[in-house]
Protein backbone atom coordinates (compact mmCIF):
# COMPACT_ATOMS: atom_id res chain seq x y z
CA MET A 1 0.00 0.00 0.00
CA ARG A 2 3.01 2.28 0.05
CA ARG A 3 2.25 3.72 -3.40
CA PHE A 4 -1.21 4.84 -2.24
CA ILE A 5 -0.01 6.61 0.93
CA PHE A 6 0.38 10.37 0.75
CA THR A 7 2.16 10.97 4.05
CA GLU A 8 2.39 9.88 7.69
CA ARG A 9 1.52 11.95 10.73
CA GLY A 10 1.91 10.67 14.27
CA GLY A 11 1.90 7.04 13.20
CA ILE A 12 -1.25 7.51 11.11
CA TYR A 13 -1.02 6.96 7.36
CA ILE A 14 -2.88 9.40 5.12
CA ILE A 15 -4.08 8.01 1.81
CA ASP A 16 -3.62 9.95 -1.43
CA LEU A 17 -7.19 10.93 -2.30
CA GLN A 18 -6.31 11.85 -5.88
CA GLN A 19 -5.42 8.22 -6.53
CA THR A 20 -8.57 7.17 -4.70
CA GLN A 21 -10.71 9.29 -7.02
CA GLU A 22 -9.04 7.98 -10.17
CA LEU A 23 -9.30 4.34 -9.11
CA LEU A 24 -12.87 4.79 -7.93
CA GLU A 25 -13.81 6.10 -11.38
CA GLN A 26 -12.25 3.01 -12.95
CA ALA A 27 -14.22 0.73 -10.63
CA HIS A 28 -17.36 2.79 -11.34
CA SER A 29 -16.95 2.26 -15.10
CA PHE A 30 -16.28 -1.45 -14.62
CA VAL A 31 -19.44 -2.15 -12.63
CA ARG A 32 -21.43 0.01 -15.03
CA ASN A 33 -20.33 -2.19 -17.94
CA ILE A 34 -21.36 -5.28 -15.96
CA ALA A 35 -24.80 -3.80 -15.26
CA GLU A 36 -25.27 -2.95 -18.94
CA ARG A 37 -24.80 -6.66 -19.71
CA ARG A 38 -27.34 -7.56 -17.02
CA GLY A 39 -24.57 -8.98 -14.85
CA LYS A 40 -24.52 -9.41 -11.10
CA VAL A 41 -22.11 -7.87 -8.58
CA LEU A 42 -21.98 -9.49 -5.13
CA PHE A 43 -21.59 -6.96 -2.31
CA VAL A 44 -19.64 -8.27 0.68
CA GLY A 45 -19.16 -6.35 3.91
CA THR A 46 -19.60 -8.13 7.23
CA LYS A 47 -17.82 -5.65 9.47
CA LYS A 48 -20.03 -3.48 11.62
CA GLN A 49 -19.10 -0.21 9.90
CA ALA A 50 -20.21 -1.48 6.48
CA GLN A 51 -23.17 -3.76 7.21
CA ASP A 52 -25.92 -1.17 6.85
CA ALA A 53 -24.42 0.51 3.79
CA VAL A 54 -23.89 -2.81 1.99
CA ALA A 55 -27.46 -3.97 2.60
CA GLU A 56 -29.05 -0.62 1.73
CA GLN A 57 -27.15 0.06 -1.48
CA ALA A 58 -27.32 -3.53 -2.74
CA LYS A 59 -31.09 -3.58 -2.28
CA ARG A 60 -31.38 -0.24 -4.06
CA VAL A 61 -29.85 -1.63 -7.26
CA GLY A 62 -31.18 -5.19 -6.90
CA MET A 63 -27.83 -6.88 -6.30
CA PRO A 64 -27.01 -9.79 -3.96
CA TYR A 65 -25.13 -9.06 -0.77
CA VAL A 66 -23.59 -10.65 2.32
CA ASN A 67 -23.44 -8.45 5.40
CA ASN A 68 -23.69 -10.84 8.34
CA ARG A 69 -21.36 -13.82 7.88
CA TRP A 70 -19.60 -15.33 4.90
CA LEU A 71 -20.47 -19.00 4.67
CA GLY A 72 -17.58 -21.14 3.48
CA GLY A 73 -18.28 -22.44 -0.02
CA LEU A 74 -20.79 -19.74 -0.88
CA LEU A 75 -19.18 -19.48 -4.32
CA THR A 76 -17.17 -22.67 -4.71
CA ASN A 77 -19.80 -25.07 -3.33
CA TRP A 78 -22.80 -23.57 -5.04
CA ARG A 79 -24.76 -26.85 -5.20
CA THR A 80 -24.94 -27.13 -1.41
CA ILE A 81 -25.65 -23.43 -0.96
CA SER A 82 -28.47 -23.57 -3.52
CA THR A 83 -30.21 -26.29 -1.48
CA ARG A 84 -30.09 -24.07 1.59
CA ILE A 85 -31.51 -21.19 -0.46
CA GLU A 86 -34.37 -23.45 -1.57
CA ARG A 87 -34.99 -24.29 2.07
CA LEU A 88 -35.12 -20.58 2.85
CA HIS A 89 -37.76 -20.01 0.17
CA GLU A 90 -39.77 -22.95 1.50
CA LEU A 91 -39.78 -21.57 5.05
CA ARG A 92 -40.71 -18.13 3.74
CA ARG A 93 -43.67 -19.62 1.90
CA LEU A 94 -44.84 -21.53 4.99
CA LYS A 95 -44.66 -18.36 7.04
CA GLU A 96 -46.56 -16.27 4.48
CA GLU A 97 -49.29 -18.89 4.23
CA ASN A 98 -49.50 -19.16 8.05
CA GLN A 99 -48.69 -22.86 7.85
CA LEU A 100 -46.25 -22.60 10.75
CA GLU A 101 -49.12 -21.79 13.10
CA LEU A 102 -50.57 -25.24 12.50
CA LEU A 103 -47.48 -27.02 13.79
CA PRO A 104 -46.82 -28.04 17.40
CA ALA A 105 -45.17 -25.35 19.51
CA LYS A 106 -41.75 -26.98 19.72
CA GLU A 107 -41.54 -27.71 15.99
CA ARG A 108 -42.80 -24.24 15.13
CA LEU A 109 -40.14 -22.56 17.27
CA MET A 110 -37.42 -24.70 15.71
CA MET A 111 -38.50 -23.77 12.18
CA ILE A 112 -38.76 -20.08 13.08
CA ALA A 113 -35.22 -20.17 14.49
CA GLU A 114 -34.01 -21.90 11.32
CA LEU A 115 -35.72 -19.27 9.18
CA GLU A 116 -34.09 -16.43 11.13
CA LYS A 117 -30.66 -18.01 10.79
CA LEU A 118 -31.06 -18.55 7.05
CA GLU A 119 -32.35 -15.01 6.61
CA ALA A 120 -29.32 -13.60 8.40
CA ASN A 121 -26.77 -15.63 6.43
CA LEU A 122 -28.43 -16.13 3.04
CA GLY A 123 -31.21 -13.56 2.88
CA GLY A 124 -29.12 -11.26 0.72
CA VAL A 125 -28.37 -13.96 -1.86
CA ALA A 126 -31.81 -15.60 -1.84
CA ASP A 127 -32.51 -14.41 -5.41
CA LEU A 128 -29.07 -15.31 -6.75
CA ARG A 129 -29.59 -18.07 -9.33
CA ARG A 130 -26.02 -18.31 -10.60
CA GLN A 131 -22.52 -17.21 -9.72
CA PRO A 132 -21.97 -13.44 -9.82
CA ASP A 133 -19.91 -11.68 -12.47
CA ALA A 134 -17.82 -9.77 -9.92
CA VAL A 135 -17.40 -9.34 -6.17
CA PHE A 136 -17.20 -6.02 -4.34
CA ILE A 137 -15.53 -6.38 -0.92
CA VAL A 138 -15.13 -3.98 1.99
CA ASP A 139 -11.97 -4.87 3.99
CA LEU A 140 -9.93 -7.54 2.23
CA ARG A 141 -8.29 -8.59 5.47
CA LYS A 142 -11.55 -9.53 7.16
CA GLU A 143 -13.10 -11.16 4.09
CA GLN A 144 -10.27 -13.56 3.25
CA LEU A 145 -12.64 -16.46 2.59
CA ALA A 146 -14.57 -14.42 0.03
CA VAL A 147 -11.32 -13.28 -1.61
CA HIS A 148 -9.96 -16.83 -1.90
CA GLU A 149 -13.18 -18.23 -3.36
CA ALA A 150 -13.47 -15.41 -5.88
CA ARG A 151 -9.83 -15.88 -6.87
CA ARG A 152 -10.34 -19.61 -7.25
CA LEU A 153 -13.23 -19.06 -9.65
CA GLY A 154 -11.48 -16.25 -11.51
CA LEU A 155 -14.05 -13.61 -10.57
CA PRO A 156 -12.94 -9.96 -10.67
CA VAL A 157 -12.54 -8.47 -7.19
CA ILE A 158 -13.33 -4.81 -6.49
CA ALA A 159 -12.26 -3.80 -3.01
CA LEU A 160 -12.04 -0.91 -0.59
CA VAL A 161 -8.44 -1.37 0.55
CA ASP A 162 -7.03 0.13 3.73
CA THR A 163 -3.35 0.57 4.60
CA ASN A 164 -3.26 -2.77 6.46
CA CYS A 165 -4.35 -4.82 3.42
CA ASP A 166 -2.58 -6.26 0.42
CA PRO A 167 -3.77 -4.49 -2.76
CA GLU A 168 -2.50 -7.36 -4.93
CA GLU A 169 -5.51 -9.42 -3.88
CA ALA A 170 -7.90 -7.10 -5.72
CA ASP A 171 -8.29 -6.44 -9.43
CA TYR A 172 -9.80 -2.99 -8.89
CA VAL A 173 -8.29 -1.30 -5.84
CA ILE A 174 -10.03 1.62 -4.13
CA PRO A 175 -7.67 3.02 -1.47
CA GLY A 176 -9.61 4.26 1.52
CA ASN A 177 -10.42 3.94 5.18
CA ASP A 178 -12.56 0.87 5.79
CA ASP A 179 -12.89 1.57 9.53
CA ALA A 180 -14.98 4.74 9.18
CA ILE A 181 -18.72 4.52 8.59
CA ARG A 182 -18.81 7.61 6.36
CA SER A 183 -15.97 6.33 4.21
CA CYS A 184 -17.67 2.95 3.74
CA ASN A 185 -20.98 4.62 2.91
CA LEU A 186 -19.35 6.87 0.32
CA ILE A 187 -17.51 4.11 -1.54
CA VAL A 188 -20.37 1.61 -1.43
CA ARG A 189 -22.81 4.26 -2.68
CA ALA A 190 -20.46 5.18 -5.55
CA ILE A 191 -20.26 1.55 -6.67
CA ALA A 192 -24.05 1.23 -6.45
CA ASP A 193 -24.46 4.43 -8.49
CA GLY A 194 -22.31 2.91 -11.23
CA ILE A 195 -24.54 -0.16 -11.32
CA ALA A 196 -27.66 2.00 -11.40
CA ALA A 197 -26.24 3.98 -14.32
CA GLY A 198 -25.64 0.78 -16.28
CA GLN A 199 -29.12 -0.49 -15.51
CA SER A 200 -30.70 2.77 -16.70
CA VAL A 201 -28.85 2.50 -20.03
CA THR A 202 -30.13 -1.04 -20.46
CA THR A 203 -33.67 0.02 -19.65
CA LEU A 204 -33.54 2.87 -22.19
CA GLU A 205 -32.31 0.51 -24.89
CA GLU A 206 -35.12 -1.94 -24.10
CA ILE A 207 -37.71 0.83 -24.35
CA GLN A 208 -36.37 1.98 -27.71
CA ALA A 209 -36.29 -1.59 -29.01
CA GLN A 210 -39.89 -2.16 -27.87
CA GLU A 211 -41.02 1.06 -29.56
CA SER A 212 -39.33 0.07 -32.83
CA VAL A 213 -41.02 -3.35 -32.73
CA GLU A 214 -44.44 -1.80 -32.11
CA THR A 215 -43.89 0.68 -34.95
CA ALA A 216 -42.93 -2.12 -37.35
CA GLU A 217 -45.99 -4.15 -36.36
CA GLY A 218 -48.23 -1.14 -36.87
CA GLN A 219 -46.85 -0.51 -40.34
CA ALA A 220 -47.29 -4.18 -41.26
CA ASN A 221 -50.96 -4.12 -40.21
CA GLU A 222 -51.79 -0.97 -42.23
CA PRO A 223 -53.46 -1.76 -45.63
CA THR A 224 -51.59 -0.75 -48.78
CA PRO A 225 -53.15 1.73 -51.30
CA GLU A 226 -53.60 -1.08 -53.85
CA ALA A 227 -55.54 -3.14 -51.33
CA VAL A 228 -57.77 -0.16 -50.54
CA VAL A 229 -58.57 0.40 -54.25
CA GLU A 230 -59.34 -3.28 -54.81
CA SER A 231 -61.65 -3.45 -51.80
CA ALA A 232 -63.47 -0.29 -52.96
CA SER A 233 -63.99 -1.60 -56.52
CA ALA A 234 -65.15 -4.95 -55.19
CA SER A 235 -67.81 -3.26 -53.09
CA GLU A 236 -69.18 -1.41 -56.19
CA VAL A 237 -69.76 -4.58 -58.30
CA PRO A 238 -73.52 -5.47 -58.31
CA VAL A 239 -74.38 -8.92 -57.08
CA GLU A 240 -76.81 -10.88 -59.32
CA PRO A 241 -79.42 -13.07 -57.64
CA GLU A 242 -78.67 -16.76 -57.88
CA ALA A 243 -81.06 -18.96 -59.79
CA PRO A 244 -82.60 -21.87 -57.82
CA ALA A 245 -80.65 -25.04 -58.42
CA ALA A 246 -82.39 -28.13 -59.72
CA GLY A 247 -81.52 -31.45 -58.18
CA ASN A 248 -81.48 -34.93 -59.79
CA GLY A 249 -82.34 -33.56 -63.22
CA GLU A 250 -85.91 -32.64 -62.23
CA SER A 251 -87.43 -29.39 -63.40
CA VAL A 252 -88.46 -26.88 -60.86
CA GLU A 253 -92.07 -25.83 -61.11
CA PRO A 254 -93.16 -22.41 -60.05
CA THR A 255 -95.14 -22.37 -56.84
CA THR A 256 -98.36 -20.47 -56.38
CA SER A 257 -99.65 -18.88 -53.31
CA GLN A 258 -102.66 -20.20 -51.48
CA GLU A 259 -104.70 -17.14 -52.51
CA GLU A 260 -104.33 -18.03 -56.21
CA GLU A 261 -105.36 -21.70 -55.72
CA SER A 262 -108.48 -21.00 -53.66
CA PRO A 263 -111.68 -20.41 -55.71
CA GLN A 264 -113.18 -16.92 -55.72
């Protein structure tokens, strides 16, 4: 971290904020490109100073997050984790349908405790159906398990790196203080803003594509001038009455009304 340190005062290292701004812009552009491709960025921050910011900003942009405890194998053992996520959805459904109230007291309390534990550990990744495209981490030193699993899978790592961390563990380094709540809030919000910007671009493109499709369908359904002329001329042609058809070679005799047949 020496290259990111501006100076030292009283044993406290001061980070060069100009480098922080430049590197934050690079990370901002990177997550924006991921969001434009409808990718997923996993937010990770289990330390107390970052828990609220990680949950709030990740929910704002619809991204998965972990802010309570990193479960070993969350990325590398996805098959096992996915079964626990399915269990979480099942317990949620039972609670919403008030099915838990029908169970005995002891069993109901056990299932409620299981639901609370799963919500705390996996609630942020409950809607994650596949591995993320990148991982954003607050405090590399504390989140070593997340770093190792992301590295093993080759996932890009974006990290808020303090002076006591190794910047080589991250692909996109953001030098900053990860022990201050305001610093964590600022960096996490900037990353979330980049994702929101990418999502808005995608939404605008979808709207334009939908409008072009609707315009093309409308033009295809409009009648051509030739078809209009033909339909108008067809409506002007007089229709001749059809002659009664004779069946089996027999002649058809004219019928008379009852008034003509009755004697005067």
